[in-house]
Amino acid sequence: MDLSLLQRINDFFAGHDSVEDPLVAYANASEVLFLAMLVLAFVLIAGRHRQDVRRAVVAAGLSAGLGLAVAQVVSRLVDRPRPFVSHPHAVHLFAHHAADAGFPSDHTTAAFAIGTALVLRFRGWGIAILVLATILAATRVGMAIHYPTDVLGGAVIGAASALVLYHPAVRALLHRLADAASALLDAIARSTVGRLAPTRS
């Protein structure tokens, strides 16, 4: 079932370059894109929602970090070969990848951790990120880098990590951390603007 579903998506990619090319490019750039989104939101969002956005960004980043830490432990315990390693002649590999363990998917773990953390705080923004996370997961399967259960496992770990950090006691700690980081950033920005401002003679 796992391999059969992978092969269907993989064969679709092989026969539809107009779909495969942009999706593979997106998957390859996804780490940078998701990180850039969080950094830009933390730095650039202004107005009355700024504090809430910065808290959400910190929660999303830490959720991804927790999820990836758990995923590393699970990966070592399960040590499941990737599809292109187990079935090299049955799938098309669309990008070079190390032949390390494939369960769970790190990309999917981080993406779903971020999306879940955001949907708990900003529903519309979070849903959009979860859609992107789902596309990323399907693309990693289509590329023959992961089995469907690899990305499913990553999605579960990522979402669970975000839910753990949404516990009221933990959330309060994250808010204090985010507020401290926000105050530090604002102080640096004010200092930088002050140094760059022209002095009157």
C-alpha atoms as a PDB file:
ATOM      1  CA  MET A   1       0.000   0.000   0.000  1.00  0.00           C
ATOM      2  CA  ASP A   2       2.763   2.442   1.017  1.00  0.00           C
ATOM      3  CA  LEU A   3       4.901   1.688  -2.034  1.00  0.00           C
ATOM      4  CA  SER A   4       1.898   1.517  -4.366  1.00  0.00           C
ATOM      5  CA  LEU A   5       0.698   4.998  -3.409  1.00  0.00           C
ATOM      6  CA  LEU A   6       4.219   6.365  -3.705  1.00  0.00           C
ATOM      7  CA  GLN A   7       4.590   4.890  -7.189  1.00  0.00           C
ATOM      8  CA  ARG A   8       1.341   6.458  -8.354  1.00  0.00           C
ATOM      9  CA  ILE A   9       2.427   9.932  -7.289  1.00  0.00           C
ATOM     10  CA  ASN A  10       5.959   9.311  -8.518  1.00  0.00           C
ATOM     11  CA  ASP A  11       4.746   8.156 -11.933  1.00  0.00           C
ATOM     12  CA  PHE A  12       2.477  11.203 -12.173  1.00  0.00           C
ATOM     13  CA  PHE A  13       5.492  13.447 -11.530  1.00  0.00           C
ATOM     14  CA  ALA A  14       7.492  11.583 -14.166  1.00  0.00           C
ATOM     15  CA  GLY A  15       4.795  12.161 -16.771  1.00  0.00           C
ATOM     16  CA  HIS A  16       3.964  15.789 -15.935  1.00  0.00           C
ATOM     17  CA  ASP A  17       7.039  18.009 -15.943  1.00  0.00           C
ATOM     18  CA  SER A  18       4.903  21.141 -15.735  1.00  0.00           C
ATOM     19  CA  VAL A  19       3.727  19.962 -12.301  1.00  0.00           C
ATOM     20  CA  GLU A  20       6.878  18.223 -11.148  1.00  0.00           C
ATOM     21  CA  ASP A  21       9.380  21.014 -11.886  1.00  0.00           C
ATOM     22  CA  PRO A  22       7.808  23.781  -9.751  1.00  0.00           C
ATOM     23  CA  LEU A  23       6.883  21.384  -6.946  1.00  0.00           C
ATOM     24  CA  VAL A  24      10.397  19.944  -6.736  1.00  0.00           C
ATOM     25  CA  ALA A  25      11.820  23.474  -6.760  1.00  0.00           C
ATOM     26  CA  TYR A  26       9.437  24.390  -3.938  1.00  0.00           C
ATOM     27  CA  ALA A  27      10.360  21.307  -1.917  1.00  0.00           C
ATOM     28  CA  ASN A  28      14.077  21.969  -2.346  1.00  0.00           C
ATOM     29  CA  ALA A  29      13.675  25.582  -1.215  1.00  0.00           C
ATOM     30  CA  SER A  30      11.095  24.905   1.501  1.00  0.00           C
ATOM     31  CA  GLU A  31      13.466  25.134   4.462  1.00  0.00           C
ATOM     32  CA  VAL A  32      14.596  28.602   3.419  1.00  0.00           C
ATOM     33  CA  LEU A  33      11.057  29.698   2.542  1.00  0.00           C
ATOM     34  CA  PHE A  34       9.520  28.658   5.867  1.00  0.00           C
ATOM     35  CA  LEU A  35      12.395  30.153   7.859  1.00  0.00           C
ATOM     36  CA  ALA A  36      12.272  33.401   5.875  1.00  0.00           C
ATOM     37  CA  MET A  37       8.525  33.641   6.444  1.00  0.00           C
ATOM     38  CA  LEU A  38       8.976  33.416  10.207  1.00  0.00           C
ATOM     39  CA  VAL A  39      11.890  35.849  10.330  1.00  0.00           C
ATOM     40  CA  LEU A  40      10.154  38.417   8.134  1.00  0.00           C
ATOM     41  CA  ALA A  41       6.937  38.147  10.136  1.00  0.00           C
ATOM     42  CA  PHE A  42       8.833  38.688  13.383  1.00  0.00           C
ATOM     43  CA  VAL A  43      10.784  41.652  12.051  1.00  0.00           C
ATOM     44  CA  LEU A  44       8.369  43.400   9.710  1.00  0.00           C
ATOM     45  CA  ILE A  45       4.849  42.974  11.076  1.00  0.00           C
ATOM     46  CA  ALA A  46       3.737  46.188  12.776  1.00  0.00           C
ATOM     47  CA  GLY A  47       0.541  47.541  14.270  1.00  0.00           C
ATOM     48  CA  ARG A  48      -1.684  46.314  17.048  1.00  0.00           C
ATOM     49  CA  HIS A  49      -1.127  42.629  16.248  1.00  0.00           C
ATOM     50  CA  ARG A  50       2.656  42.833  16.366  1.00  0.00           C
ATOM     51  CA  GLN A  51       3.029  41.310  19.831  1.00  0.00           C
ATOM     52  CA  ASP A  52       0.676  38.429  19.032  1.00  0.00           C
ATOM     53  CA  VAL A  53       2.436  37.766  15.734  1.00  0.00           C
ATOM     54  CA  ARG A  54       5.845  37.703  17.382  1.00  0.00           C
ATOM     55  CA  ARG A  55       4.586  35.323  20.032  1.00  0.00           C
ATOM     56  CA  ALA A  56       3.162  33.076  17.332  1.00  0.00           C
ATOM     57  CA  VAL A  57       6.435  33.145  15.406  1.00  0.00           C
ATOM     58  CA  VAL A  58       8.448  32.132  18.462  1.00  0.00           C
ATOM     59  CA  ALA A  59       5.973  29.352  19.246  1.00  0.00           C
ATOM     60  CA  ALA A  60       6.135  28.129  15.640  1.00  0.00           C
ATOM     61  CA  GLY A  61       9.924  28.114  15.601  1.00  0.00           C
ATOM     62  CA  LEU A  62      10.214  26.287  18.921  1.00  0.00           C
ATOM     63  CA  SER A  63       7.502  23.817  17.878  1.00  0.00           C
ATOM     64  CA  ALA A  64       9.541  22.994  14.786  1.00  0.00           C
ATOM     65  CA  GLY A  65      12.672  22.608  16.915  1.00  0.00           C
ATOM     66  CA  LEU A  66      10.934  20.261  19.345  1.00  0.00           C
ATOM     67  CA  GLY A  67       9.412  18.264  16.516  1.00  0.00           C
ATOM     68  CA  LEU A  68      12.753  17.857  14.765  1.00  0.00           C
ATOM     69  CA  ALA A  69      14.417  16.752  18.006  1.00  0.00           C
ATOM     70  CA  VAL A  70      11.769  14.081  18.520  1.00  0.00           C
ATOM     71  CA  ALA A  71      12.008  13.088  14.845  1.00  0.00           C
ATOM     72  CA  GLN A  72      15.760  12.532  15.174  1.00  0.00           C
ATOM     73  CA  VAL A  73      15.232  10.135  18.060  1.00  0.00           C
ATOM     74  CA  VAL A  74      12.486   8.256  16.212  1.00  0.00           C
ATOM     75  CA  SER A  75      14.609   8.126  13.056  1.00  0.00           C
ATOM     76  CA  ARG A  76      17.457   6.424  14.899  1.00  0.00           C
ATOM     77  CA  LEU A  77      15.123   3.954  16.554  1.00  0.00           C
ATOM     78  CA  VAL A  78      13.233   2.990  13.382  1.00  0.00           C
ATOM     79  CA  ASP A  79      16.100   3.372  10.863  1.00  0.00           C
ATOM     80  CA  ARG A  80      13.827   2.911   7.856  1.00  0.00           C
ATOM     81  CA  PRO A  81      15.497   3.091   4.413  1.00  0.00           C
ATOM     82  CA  ARG A  82      14.169   5.619   1.928  1.00  0.00           C
ATOM     83  CA  PRO A  83      12.208   4.430  -1.128  1.00  0.00           C
ATOM     84  CA  PHE A  84      14.994   5.128  -3.588  1.00  0.00           C
ATOM     85  CA  VAL A  85      17.286   2.958  -1.438  1.00  0.00           C
ATOM     86  CA  SER A  86      14.871   0.067  -0.898  1.00  0.00           C
ATOM     87  CA  HIS A  87      13.430   0.131  -4.438  1.00  0.00           C
ATOM     88  CA  PRO A  88      16.013   1.835  -6.681  1.00  0.00           C
ATOM     89  CA  HIS A  89      14.578   0.357  -9.896  1.00  0.00           C
ATOM     90  CA  ALA A  90      10.921   0.923  -9.030  1.00  0.00           C
ATOM     91  CA  VAL A  91      10.907   4.700  -8.568  1.00  0.00           C
ATOM     92  CA  HIS A  92      12.179   7.854 -10.239  1.00  0.00           C
ATOM     93  CA  LEU A  93      14.414   9.988  -8.005  1.00  0.00           C
ATOM     94  CA  PHE A  94      14.000  13.676  -8.873  1.00  0.00           C
ATOM     95  CA  ALA A  95      16.729  15.149  -6.668  1.00  0.00           C
ATOM     96  CA  HIS A  96      19.911  13.876  -5.095  1.00  0.00           C
ATOM     97  CA  HIS A  97      19.492  12.942  -1.443  1.00  0.00           C
ATOM     98  CA  ALA A  98      21.575  11.248   1.208  1.00  0.00           C
ATOM     99  CA  ALA A  99      20.697   7.599   1.774  1.00  0.00           C
ATOM    100  CA  ASP A 100      19.939   8.110   5.460  1.00  0.00           C
ATOM    101  CA  ALA A 101      16.862   6.976   7.379  1.00  0.00           C
ATOM    102  CA  GLY A 102      13.590   8.338   5.991  1.00  0.00           C
ATOM    103  CA  PHE A 103      11.085   7.912   8.840  1.00  0.00           C
ATOM    104  CA  PRO A 104       9.813  10.389   9.846  1.00  0.00           C
ATOM    105  CA  SER A 105      10.175  13.188   7.306  1.00  0.00           C
ATOM    106  CA  ASP A 106      12.043  16.147   8.829  1.00  0.00           C
ATOM    107  CA  HIS A 107      10.625  18.589   6.276  1.00  0.00           C
ATOM    108  CA  THR A 108       7.075  17.509   7.019  1.00  0.00           C
ATOM    109  CA  THR A 109       7.672  17.505  10.767  1.00  0.00           C
ATOM    110  CA  ALA A 110       8.891  21.107  10.778  1.00  0.00           C
ATOM    111  CA  ALA A 111       6.254  22.336   8.334  1.00  0.00           C
ATOM    112  CA  PHE A 112       3.340  20.821  10.256  1.00  0.00           C
ATOM    113  CA  ALA A 113       4.754  22.017  13.570  1.00  0.00           C
ATOM    114  CA  ILE A 114       4.873  25.563  12.215  1.00  0.00           C
ATOM    115  CA  GLY A 115       1.448  25.328  10.604  1.00  0.00           C
ATOM    116  CA  THR A 116      -0.206  23.867  13.698  1.00  0.00           C
ATOM    117  CA  ALA A 117       1.384  26.421  16.017  1.00  0.00           C
ATOM    118  CA  LEU A 118       0.110  29.204  13.777  1.00  0.00           C
ATOM    119  CA  VAL A 119      -3.400  27.807  13.276  1.00  0.00           C
ATOM    120  CA  LEU A 120      -3.814  27.728  17.059  1.00  0.00           C
ATOM    121  CA  ARG A 121      -3.172  31.473  17.121  1.00  0.00           C
ATOM    122  CA  PHE A 122      -4.021  32.884  13.676  1.00  0.00           C
ATOM    123  CA  ARG A 123      -6.446  30.506  11.994  1.00  0.00           C
ATOM    124  CA  GLY A 124      -6.261  31.906   8.464  1.00  0.00           C
ATOM    125  CA  TRP A 125      -2.479  32.194   8.407  1.00  0.00           C
ATOM    126  CA  GLY A 126      -2.100  28.765   9.955  1.00  0.00           C
ATOM    127  CA  ILE A 127      -4.459  27.068   7.492  1.00  0.00           C
ATOM    128  CA  ALA A 128      -2.504  28.548   4.586  1.00  0.00           C
ATOM    129  CA  ILE A 129       0.741  27.176   6.032  1.00  0.00           C
ATOM    130  CA  LEU A 130      -0.829  23.759   6.614  1.00  0.00           C
ATOM    131  CA  VAL A 131      -1.898  23.684   2.970  1.00  0.00           C
ATOM    132  CA  LEU A 132       1.694  24.451   1.961  1.00  0.00           C
ATOM    133  CA  ALA A 133       2.901  21.783   4.393  1.00  0.00           C
ATOM    134  CA  THR A 134       0.567  19.217   2.831  1.00  0.00           C
ATOM    135  CA  ILE A 135       1.806  20.089  -0.666  1.00  0.00           C
ATOM    136  CA  LEU A 136       5.378  19.754   0.601  1.00  0.00           C
ATOM    137  CA  ALA A 137       4.642  16.340   2.113  1.00  0.00           C
ATOM    138  CA  ALA A 138       3.039  15.049  -1.086  1.00  0.00           C
ATOM    139  CA  THR A 139       5.926  16.400  -3.132  1.00  0.00           C
ATOM    140  CA  ARG A 140       8.530  14.647  -0.982  1.00  0.00           C
ATOM    141  CA  VAL A 141       6.636  11.413  -1.622  1.00  0.00           C
ATOM    142  CA  GLY A 142       6.402  12.155  -5.339  1.00  0.00           C
ATOM    143  CA  MET A 143      10.148  12.732  -5.434  1.00  0.00           C
ATOM    144  CA  ALA A 144      10.633   9.196  -4.000  1.00  0.00           C
ATOM    145  CA  ILE A 145      12.478  10.599  -1.003  1.00  0.00           C
ATOM    146  CA  HIS A 146       9.796   9.441   1.451  1.00  0.00           C
ATOM    147  CA  TYR A 147       7.050   6.864   1.747  1.00  0.00           C
ATOM    148  CA  PRO A 148       3.561   8.217   2.512  1.00  0.00           C
ATOM    149  CA  THR A 149       3.842   6.908   6.072  1.00  0.00           C
ATOM    150  CA  ASP A 150       7.130   8.835   6.488  1.00  0.00           C
ATOM    151  CA  VAL A 151       5.382  12.136   5.883  1.00  0.00           C
ATOM    152  CA  LEU A 152       2.323  11.045   7.866  1.00  0.00           C
ATOM    153  CA  GLY A 153       4.574  10.293  10.818  1.00  0.00           C
ATOM    154  CA  GLY A 154       6.276  13.659  10.438  1.00  0.00           C
ATOM    155  CA  ALA A 155       2.926  15.452  10.305  1.00  0.00           C
ATOM    156  CA  VAL A 156       1.785  13.756  13.517  1.00  0.00           C
ATOM    157  CA  ILE A 157       5.032  14.525  15.363  1.00  0.00           C
ATOM    158  CA  GLY A 158       5.033  18.132  14.176  1.00  0.00           C
ATOM    159  CA  ALA A 159       1.413  18.770  15.101  1.00  0.00           C
ATOM    160  CA  ALA A 160       1.843  17.060  18.477  1.00  0.00           C
ATOM    161  CA  SER A 161       4.890  19.187  19.247  1.00  0.00           C
ATOM    162  CA  ALA A 162       2.935  22.375  18.583  1.00  0.00           C
ATOM    163  CA  LEU A 163       0.069  21.146  20.758  1.00  0.00           C
ATOM    164  CA  VAL A 164       2.456  20.348  23.632  1.00  0.00           C
ATOM    165  CA  LEU A 165       3.839  23.886  23.505  1.00  0.00           C
ATOM    166  CA  TYR A 166       0.287  25.269  23.464  1.00  0.00           C
ATOM    167  CA  HIS A 167      -0.317  23.999  26.995  1.00  0.00           C
ATOM    168  CA  PRO A 168      -1.185  27.101  29.083  1.00  0.00           C
ATOM    169  CA  ALA A 169       1.828  26.827  31.416  1.00  0.00           C
ATOM    170  CA  VAL A 170       4.275  26.346  28.546  1.00  0.00           C
ATOM    171  CA  ARG A 171       2.543  29.002  26.460  1.00  0.00           C
ATOM    172  CA  ALA A 172       3.048  31.562  29.216  1.00  0.00           C
ATOM    173  CA  LEU A 173       6.786  30.846  29.225  1.00  0.00           C
ATOM    174  CA  LEU A 174       6.926  31.170  25.447  1.00  0.00           C
ATOM    175  CA  HIS A 175       5.121  34.498  25.617  1.00  0.00           C
ATOM    176  CA  ARG A 176       7.694  35.852  28.066  1.00  0.00           C
ATOM    177  CA  LEU A 177      10.502  34.603  25.839  1.00  0.00           C
ATOM    178  CA  ALA A 178       8.915  36.171  22.755  1.00  0.00           C
ATOM    179  CA  ASP A 179       8.309  39.465  24.555  1.00  0.00           C
ATOM    180  CA  ALA A 180      11.944  39.579  25.691  1.00  0.00           C
ATOM    181  CA  ALA A 181      13.165  38.883  22.150  1.00  0.00           C
ATOM    182  CA  SER A 182      10.766  41.519  20.824  1.00  0.00           C
ATOM    183  CA  ALA A 183      12.007  44.131  23.298  1.00  0.00           C
ATOM    184  CA  LEU A 184      15.613  43.354  22.397  1.00  0.00           C
ATOM    185  CA  LEU A 185      14.901  43.672  18.672  1.00  0.00           C
ATOM    186  CA  ASP A 186      13.091  46.989  19.179  1.00  0.00           C
ATOM    187  CA  ALA A 187      15.979  48.319  21.284  1.00  0.00           C
ATOM    188  CA  ILE A 188      18.481  47.346  18.586  1.00  0.00           C
ATOM    189  CA  ALA A 189      16.305  48.962  15.918  1.00  0.00           C
ATOM    190  CA  ARG A 190      16.028  52.212  17.892  1.00  0.00           C
ATOM    191  CA  SER A 191      19.769  52.264  18.527  1.00  0.00           C
ATOM    192  CA  THR A 192      20.519  51.651  14.855  1.00  0.00           C
ATOM    193  CA  VAL A 193      18.138  54.372  13.723  1.00  0.00           C
ATOM    194  CA  GLY A 194      19.661  56.763  16.246  1.00  0.00           C
ATOM    195  CA  ARG A 195      23.173  56.153  14.966  1.00  0.00           C
ATOM    196  CA  LEU A 196      22.143  56.528  11.340  1.00  0.00           C
ATOM    197  CA  ALA A 197      20.086  59.686  11.870  1.00  0.00           C
ATOM    198  CA  PRO A 198      21.894  62.843  10.644  1.00  0.00           C
ATOM    199  CA  THR A 199      23.178  65.084  13.414  1.00  0.00           C
ATOM    200  CA  ARG A 200      22.401  68.786  13.398  1.00  0.00           C
ATOM    201  CA  SER A 201      25.369  71.160  13.358  1.00  0.00           C
END
